[in-house]
Structure formats: structure tokens, C-alpha cells
Amino acid sequence: MNMINKCTAMLGLAFGLTAAAFASATTPESYIAQYKGRTDIPTPIRAVVPAFEASENAQAKIAFNVDAKGRIQDVVVLETTDEVFASRVKRALSYWKFAPALDVSGKAVTKRVLLPFIYNAEESTSGLGLFASLD
């Protein structure tokens, strides 16, 4: 199985993910495309899912700031079912790139973001959920 298939981005909203959430897989490019043109939240320019394999499903809720230059800062694992998976998620985030959020005057601002990541053991795929601004 190639890396694109193994590291498919999947949509989900939070830890209450069911098997159905894993069925609607999309590529990282499609994930990025759904946020294109948004200015109210930091928009991903490059998304990388973690390389991970295990016999059990894993989930991690990650919070971080995206500063006015689009850089990720202050990464915190809010919840996880697997510490190794959470560590791999944090490593994958170091490769992400964002366009910063803009305020109503068009000035780039820092925003706090919540992003759930999931790993489906049955499919051997890592993915990410829809992110939300916490500000």
C-alpha cells in the first residue's frame, strides 16, 4: 500500500468518531482545498498526517496557536488514547504550513486552533479531523 493511501486525511469532528467517519477519506490536498479562501481562521497550505501503525485505533486532540506569520506555536496535546500516536502527530505538525487568520481590518492575527487526529487500525490509515478556532 503506498504512502498516500496509508496517510489519507479523513474527516471527523472529535473523539466521538465512528467507523462511518473513517469511510469518507480524502487526500491532504482535498483537505486543504476545503479551507481555501477562508480568512477568519488560519488556513492550511500544507498538511501532513502522522506516520503510525498499531493494532488499535488511536486518537489525539491537539491545540496550538497559528501566529500572524502562519507559524505553529504552543502545541498542546489535550487528549489522546495513545502517547506514541500523539508524539507522531506533534512531529507531523512541524511540517504543516498555514496562512494566518485575518481580523476585520485585514491584519494577520494569532488564533488558537483545535485539531483532532485519528488512526484507523483496520485500514492502517492516519488522518485528521476538521479543525476549529478556539478564539
Protein backbone atom coordinates (compact mmCIF):
# COMPACT_ATOMS: atom_id res chain seq x y z
CA MET A 1 0.00 0.00 0.00
CA ASN A 2 1.54 3.37 -0.96
CA MET A 3 2.12 6.24 1.47
CA ILE A 4 -0.70 8.37 0.02
CA ASN A 5 -3.19 5.61 0.82
CA LYS A 6 -1.65 4.88 4.22
CA CYS A 7 -1.64 8.55 5.16
CA THR A 8 -5.06 9.54 3.92
CA ALA A 9 -6.69 12.55 5.55
CA MET A 10 -10.14 11.72 6.93
CA LEU A 11 -12.87 13.96 8.16
CA GLY A 12 -14.23 13.78 11.69
CA LEU A 13 -15.28 16.27 14.32
CA ALA A 14 -13.85 14.96 17.60
CA PHE A 15 -13.27 11.86 19.69
CA GLY A 16 -16.79 10.54 19.15
CA LEU A 17 -15.72 9.21 15.76
CA THR A 18 -17.37 6.05 14.49
CA ALA A 19 -16.34 3.68 11.74
CA ALA A 20 -18.50 5.74 9.38
CA ALA A 21 -16.21 8.71 9.93
CA PHE A 22 -13.33 6.69 8.54
CA ALA A 23 -15.26 5.86 5.38
CA SER A 24 -15.20 9.40 3.97
CA ALA A 25 -11.48 9.59 3.26
CA THR A 26 -9.91 12.43 1.33
CA THR A 27 -6.39 13.36 0.28
CA PRO A 28 -4.42 16.04 2.13
CA GLU A 29 -4.86 18.22 -0.95
CA SER A 30 -8.66 17.92 -0.71
CA TYR A 31 -8.49 18.70 3.00
CA ILE A 32 -6.54 21.89 2.24
CA ALA A 33 -8.92 22.82 -0.60
CA GLN A 34 -11.96 22.88 1.71
CA TYR A 35 -10.44 25.81 3.65
CA LYS A 36 -9.12 27.74 0.64
CA GLY A 37 -10.23 31.36 0.61
CA ARG A 38 -11.14 31.47 4.32
CA THR A 39 -9.64 34.39 6.23
CA ASP A 40 -11.47 34.10 9.56
CA ILE A 41 -9.36 31.10 10.57
CA PRO A 42 -5.78 30.06 9.84
CA THR A 43 -5.95 28.11 6.58
CA PRO A 44 -3.70 25.13 5.92
CA ILE A 45 -1.34 25.44 2.98
CA ARG A 46 0.44 22.16 3.67
CA ALA A 47 -1.00 19.31 5.75
CA VAL A 48 0.93 16.21 6.79
CA VAL A 49 -0.65 13.24 8.57
CA PRO A 50 1.47 11.24 11.01
CA ALA A 51 3.22 8.03 10.03
CA PHE A 52 1.89 5.48 12.52
CA GLU A 53 0.96 1.81 12.69
CA ALA A 54 -0.68 -0.06 15.53
CA SER A 55 -3.17 -2.83 16.18
CA GLU A 56 -5.65 -0.47 17.92
CA ASN A 57 -7.37 2.73 16.81
CA ALA A 58 -5.82 5.91 18.20
CA GLN A 59 -6.98 9.50 18.56
CA ALA A 60 -5.37 12.74 19.67
CA LYS A 61 -6.87 16.20 20.17
CA ILE A 62 -4.20 18.83 19.64
CA ALA A 63 -4.43 22.58 20.35
CA PHE A 64 -1.93 25.13 19.05
CA ASN A 65 -1.55 28.75 18.05
CA VAL A 66 -1.06 29.87 14.48
CA ASP A 67 0.72 33.23 14.71
CA ALA A 68 0.41 36.25 12.41
CA LYS A 69 3.15 34.78 10.19
CA GLY A 70 1.38 31.42 9.88
CA ARG A 71 3.76 29.57 12.21
CA ILE A 72 2.58 26.91 14.66
CA GLN A 73 3.38 27.62 18.31
CA ASP A 74 2.46 26.32 21.77
CA VAL A 75 1.38 22.82 20.72
CA VAL A 76 -0.52 21.01 23.49
CA VAL A 77 -1.99 17.51 23.50
CA LEU A 78 -5.43 17.96 25.09
CA GLU A 79 -6.47 14.30 24.95
CA THR A 80 -5.05 11.13 23.49
CA THR A 81 -5.67 7.42 23.53
CA ASP A 82 -2.03 6.65 22.63
CA GLU A 83 1.03 8.68 23.69
CA VAL A 84 3.16 7.41 20.78
CA PHE A 85 0.47 8.50 18.32
CA ALA A 86 0.29 11.93 19.98
CA SER A 87 4.06 12.25 19.67
CA ARG A 88 3.89 11.38 15.96
CA VAL A 89 1.09 13.92 15.48
CA LYS A 90 3.22 16.66 17.07
CA ARG A 91 6.10 15.71 14.76
CA ALA A 92 3.81 15.81 11.69
CA LEU A 93 2.58 19.27 12.72
CA SER A 94 6.12 20.60 12.43
CA TYR A 95 5.72 20.17 8.63
CA TRP A 96 2.40 21.99 8.38
CA LYS A 97 2.17 25.46 6.87
CA PHE A 98 -0.66 27.96 7.35
CA ALA A 99 -1.88 31.27 6.01
CA PRO A 100 -2.71 33.28 9.14
CA ALA A 101 -6.21 34.37 10.08
CA LEU A 102 -7.12 37.98 9.34
CA ASP A 103 -9.13 40.33 11.52
CA VAL A 104 -11.91 42.54 10.07
CA SER A 105 -9.37 45.18 9.01
CA GLY A 106 -7.32 42.59 7.11
CA LYS A 107 -4.48 42.44 9.65
CA ALA A 108 -2.93 39.00 10.30
CA VAL A 109 -3.65 37.79 13.85
CA THR A 110 -2.77 34.86 16.10
CA LYS A 111 -5.51 32.26 16.55
CA ARG A 112 -5.76 29.19 18.79
CA VAL A 113 -6.75 26.06 16.87
CA LEU A 114 -8.11 22.65 17.90
CA LEU A 115 -7.32 19.78 15.55
CA PRO A 116 -8.30 16.15 16.11
CA PHE A 117 -6.18 13.41 14.53
CA ILE A 118 -7.30 9.81 14.12
CA TYR A 119 -5.70 6.48 13.29
CA ASN A 120 -7.81 3.63 11.95
CA ALA A 121 -6.06 0.32 12.73
CA GLU A 122 -8.35 -1.70 10.45
CA GLU A 123 -7.47 0.49 7.45
CA SER A 124 -3.91 1.29 8.62
CA THR A 125 -4.57 4.97 7.90
CA SER A 126 -3.80 8.14 9.79
CA GLY A 127 -5.93 11.17 9.23
CA LEU A 128 -7.11 14.46 10.58
CA GLY A 129 -10.42 15.95 11.55
CA LEU A 130 -11.96 19.32 10.88
CA PHE A 131 -10.19 21.99 12.85
CA ALA A 132 -11.84 24.75 14.76
CA SER A 133 -10.68 28.12 16.01
CA LEU A 134 -10.76 28.35 19.79
CA ASP A 135 -10.64 32.18 19.83
